[in-house]
Amino acid sequence: MADEAVQAEYIAVKALENGVTIIGLTRGRDTKFHHTEKLDKGEVMIAQFTEHTSAIKIRGRAEVYTKFGVITTSI
């Protein structure tokens, strides 16, 4: 399992305003919140999809960098 986690997908999230919230959601039959982070303007977080994290929810204005390109959230 350790090798699978290392090869999992990563994203980078750059906050474009204060108070951007990043929420990790679990895998399994019932999807639940398992981790929350708050970023201030200019802060960057690197997140990884793992055996426990199946989705990431982002609230607030941010740039999300993935292998597919950059996505800018809007409100």
Protein backbone atom coordinates (compact mmCIF):
# COMPACT_ATOMS: atom_id res chain seq x y z
CA MET A 1 0.00 0.00 0.00
CA ALA A 2 2.82 2.45 0.69
CA ASP A 3 3.90 2.36 -2.97
CA GLU A 4 0.34 3.11 -4.11
CA ALA A 5 0.13 6.19 -1.87
CA VAL A 6 3.41 7.55 -3.22
CA GLN A 7 2.16 7.22 -6.80
CA ALA A 8 -1.24 8.83 -6.08
CA GLU A 9 -2.30 12.06 -7.78
CA TYR A 10 -1.31 15.42 -6.31
CA ILE A 11 -2.88 18.84 -6.68
CA ALA A 12 -1.65 22.26 -5.54
CA VAL A 13 -4.09 24.88 -4.27
CA LYS A 14 -3.09 28.57 -4.15
CA ALA A 15 -5.42 30.86 -2.18
CA LEU A 16 -6.43 34.05 -4.00
CA GLU A 17 -8.14 35.45 -0.89
CA ASN A 18 -8.04 34.96 2.88
CA GLY A 19 -10.07 32.11 4.34
CA VAL A 20 -10.00 29.57 1.50
CA THR A 21 -11.13 26.22 2.92
CA ILE A 22 -9.89 22.86 1.67
CA ILE A 23 -11.86 19.81 2.79
CA GLY A 24 -10.73 16.21 2.32
CA LEU A 25 -13.49 13.63 1.80
CA THR A 26 -13.20 9.92 2.61
CA ARG A 27 -13.59 6.88 0.41
CA GLY A 28 -16.05 4.12 1.17
CA ARG A 29 -19.76 3.54 1.31
CA ASP A 30 -20.40 6.79 3.20
CA THR A 31 -18.48 9.89 2.12
CA LYS A 32 -17.45 11.97 5.15
CA PHE A 33 -15.22 14.94 5.88
CA HIS A 34 -11.90 13.80 7.34
CA HIS A 35 -9.63 16.85 7.16
CA THR A 36 -10.04 20.62 6.82
CA GLU A 37 -7.44 23.34 6.21
CA LYS A 38 -7.79 27.13 5.90
CA LEU A 39 -5.46 29.13 3.67
CA ASP A 40 -4.83 32.87 3.56
CA LYS A 41 -4.12 34.83 0.39
CA GLY A 42 -0.93 33.63 -1.29
CA GLU A 43 -0.63 30.43 0.74
CA VAL A 44 -0.23 27.15 -1.15
CA MET A 45 -1.13 23.63 -0.09
CA ILE A 46 -0.12 20.42 -1.84
CA ALA A 47 -2.78 17.70 -1.46
CA GLN A 48 -2.69 14.04 -2.42
CA PHE A 49 -5.44 11.58 -3.29
CA THR A 50 -4.79 8.45 -1.20
CA GLU A 51 -6.45 5.27 -0.05
CA HIS A 52 -8.37 7.46 2.45
CA THR A 53 -9.03 10.60 0.35
CA SER A 54 -11.28 10.28 -2.68
CA ALA A 55 -12.28 13.91 -3.15
CA ILE A 56 -11.22 17.41 -2.18
CA LYS A 57 -13.68 20.29 -1.84
CA ILE A 58 -12.45 23.89 -2.08
CA ARG A 59 -14.41 26.92 -0.84
CA GLY A 60 -13.28 30.42 -1.76
CA ARG A 61 -11.24 31.95 -4.56
CA ALA A 62 -8.26 29.77 -5.43
CA GLU A 63 -6.16 28.39 -8.25
CA VAL A 64 -6.02 24.60 -8.41
CA TYR A 65 -3.03 23.12 -10.26
CA THR A 66 -3.46 19.58 -11.59
CA LYS A 67 -1.81 17.46 -14.25
CA PHE A 68 -4.72 18.51 -16.48
CA GLY A 69 -4.06 22.25 -16.10
CA VAL A 70 -5.05 25.12 -13.85
CA ILE A 71 -8.59 25.71 -12.62
CA THR A 72 -9.57 29.04 -11.03
CA THR A 73 -12.53 28.93 -8.69
CA SER A 74 -15.02 31.79 -8.70
CA ILE A 75 -17.80 32.89 -6.44
